[in-house]
C-alpha atoms as a PDB file:
ATOM      1  CA  MET A   1      -8.498   7.861  22.309  1.00  0.00           C
ATOM      2  CA  GLN A   2      -9.020   7.261  18.551  1.00  0.00           C
ATOM      3  CA  ILE A   3      -8.847   3.737  16.843  1.00  0.00           C
ATOM      4  CA  LYS A   4      -7.562   3.663  13.239  1.00  0.00           C
ATOM      5  CA  THR A   5      -9.152   0.822  10.971  1.00  0.00           C
ATOM      6  CA  ILE A   6      -7.231  -1.019   8.331  1.00  0.00           C
ATOM      7  CA  THR A   7      -9.449  -0.416   5.214  1.00  0.00           C
ATOM      8  CA  PRO A   8      -8.906  -4.016   3.169  1.00  0.00           C
ATOM      9  CA  MET A   9      -8.174  -3.287  -0.745  1.00  0.00           C
ATOM     10  CA  PRO A  10     -11.390  -3.013  -2.774  1.00  0.00           C
ATOM     11  CA  TYR A  11     -13.211  -6.554  -3.565  1.00  0.00           C
ATOM     12  CA  ALA A  12     -14.393  -5.239  -6.671  1.00  0.00           C
ATOM     13  CA  GLU A  13     -10.869  -4.495  -8.122  1.00  0.00           C
ATOM     14  CA  PRO A  14      -8.240  -7.521  -7.927  1.00  0.00           C
ATOM     15  CA  HIS A  15      -4.824  -6.401  -7.341  1.00  0.00           C
ATOM     16  CA  HIS A  16      -1.347  -8.232  -7.573  1.00  0.00           C
ATOM     17  CA  ILE A  17       1.976  -7.858  -6.115  1.00  0.00           C
ATOM     18  CA  HIS A  18       4.981  -7.866  -8.663  1.00  0.00           C
ATOM     19  CA  LEU A  19       7.557 -10.430  -7.577  1.00  0.00           C
ATOM     20  CA  ALA A  20      10.983 -10.355  -9.795  1.00  0.00           C
ATOM     21  CA  ALA A  21      14.459 -10.766  -8.994  1.00  0.00           C
ATOM     22  CA  SER A  22      17.762 -11.764 -10.674  1.00  0.00           C
ATOM     23  CA  GLY A  23      17.825 -15.772 -10.593  1.00  0.00           C
ATOM     24  CA  ALA A  24      14.049 -16.003  -9.402  1.00  0.00           C
ATOM     25  CA  PRO A  25      11.053 -16.322 -11.596  1.00  0.00           C
ATOM     26  CA  THR A  26       9.125 -13.018 -12.380  1.00  0.00           C
ATOM     27  CA  LEU A  27       5.511 -13.772 -10.423  1.00  0.00           C
ATOM     28  CA  ASP A  28       2.595 -11.738 -10.207  1.00  0.00           C
ATOM     29  CA  ILE A  29       0.569 -13.007  -7.270  1.00  0.00           C
ATOM     30  CA  PRO A  30      -3.337 -12.038  -6.545  1.00  0.00           C
ATOM     31  CA  VAL A  31      -3.471 -10.301  -3.151  1.00  0.00           C
ATOM     32  CA  GLN A  32      -6.507  -8.707  -1.244  1.00  0.00           C
ATOM     33  CA  PHE A  33      -4.958  -7.211   1.872  1.00  0.00           C
ATOM     34  CA  ALA A  34      -1.449  -5.622   2.535  1.00  0.00           C
ATOM     35  CA  ASP A  35      -0.434  -8.397   4.852  1.00  0.00           C
ATOM     36  CA  GLU A  36      -1.220 -11.049   2.048  1.00  0.00           C
ATOM     37  CA  ALA A  37       1.601  -8.980   0.063  1.00  0.00           C
ATOM     38  CA  SER A  38       3.967  -8.850   2.881  1.00  0.00           C
ATOM     39  CA  LYS A  39       4.094 -12.555   3.240  1.00  0.00           C
ATOM     40  CA  ALA A  40       4.117 -13.072  -0.430  1.00  0.00           C
ATOM     41  CA  PHE A  41       7.150 -10.754  -0.682  1.00  0.00           C
ATOM     42  CA  CYS A  42       8.918 -12.369   2.248  1.00  0.00           C
ATOM     43  CA  THR A  43       8.426 -15.831   1.091  1.00  0.00           C
ATOM     44  CA  TYR A  44       9.681 -15.051  -2.323  1.00  0.00           C
ATOM     45  CA  ARG A  45      12.627 -13.232  -0.841  1.00  0.00           C
ATOM     46  CA  GLU A  46      13.597 -16.045   1.540  1.00  0.00           C
ATOM     47  CA  LYS A  47      13.042 -18.700  -0.905  1.00  0.00           C
ATOM     48  CA  TYR A  48      15.187 -17.285  -3.815  1.00  0.00           C
ATOM     49  CA  GLU A  49      17.562 -15.839  -1.181  1.00  0.00           C
ATOM     50  CA  PHE A  50      18.090 -12.445  -2.737  1.00  0.00           C
ATOM     51  CA  GLY A  51      18.654  -8.878  -1.466  1.00  0.00           C
ATOM     52  CA  ALA A  52      17.848  -5.670  -2.708  1.00  0.00           C
ATOM     53  CA  SER A  53      20.760  -5.167  -5.090  1.00  0.00           C
ATOM     54  CA  GLU A  54      19.249  -8.341  -6.842  1.00  0.00           C
ATOM     55  CA  MET A  55      15.694  -7.040  -7.091  1.00  0.00           C
ATOM     56  CA  ASP A  56      14.168  -6.016 -10.520  1.00  0.00           C
ATOM     57  CA  THR A  57      12.329  -2.563 -11.051  1.00  0.00           C
ATOM     58  CA  GLY A  58       9.031  -2.892  -9.645  1.00  0.00           C
ATOM     59  CA  CYS A  59       9.722  -5.846  -7.338  1.00  0.00           C
ATOM     60  CA  GLY A  60       7.209  -5.922  -4.479  1.00  0.00           C
ATOM     61  CA  ASN A  61       5.141  -2.954  -6.113  1.00  0.00           C
ATOM     62  CA  ILE A  62       1.208  -3.812  -5.944  1.00  0.00           C
ATOM     63  CA  TYR A  63      -0.953  -3.064  -8.963  1.00  0.00           C
ATOM     64  CA  ASN A  64      -4.434  -2.815  -9.379  1.00  0.00           C
ATOM     65  CA  SER A  65      -6.546  -4.595 -12.521  1.00  0.00           C
ATOM     66  CA  ARG A  66      -5.439  -1.707 -14.780  1.00  0.00           C
ATOM     67  CA  GLY A  67      -2.000  -2.041 -13.881  1.00  0.00           C
ATOM     68  CA  VAL A  68      -1.698   1.156 -12.109  1.00  0.00           C
ATOM     69  CA  GLU A  69       0.607   0.913  -9.092  1.00  0.00           C
ATOM     70  CA  PHE A  70      -1.241   1.150  -5.734  1.00  0.00           C
ATOM     71  CA  GLY A  71       1.370   0.358  -3.301  1.00  0.00           C
ATOM     72  CA  LYS A  72       4.805  -0.650  -2.464  1.00  0.00           C
END
């Protein structure tokens, strides 16, 4: 049985999740791990009570320090 390990985002390079939706503030939250990004997104969505149709372009995307999209 092969066990997969989850590799954290590299320490040397900061990442952030971009959060933006109609009627909500635009935020860029620093994250190190994917579960942190997921928690930040869910908290934001629940606080401002929006659905996919209210999300701005790039909402939920994760970017590295150079502004390159790293994940969704």
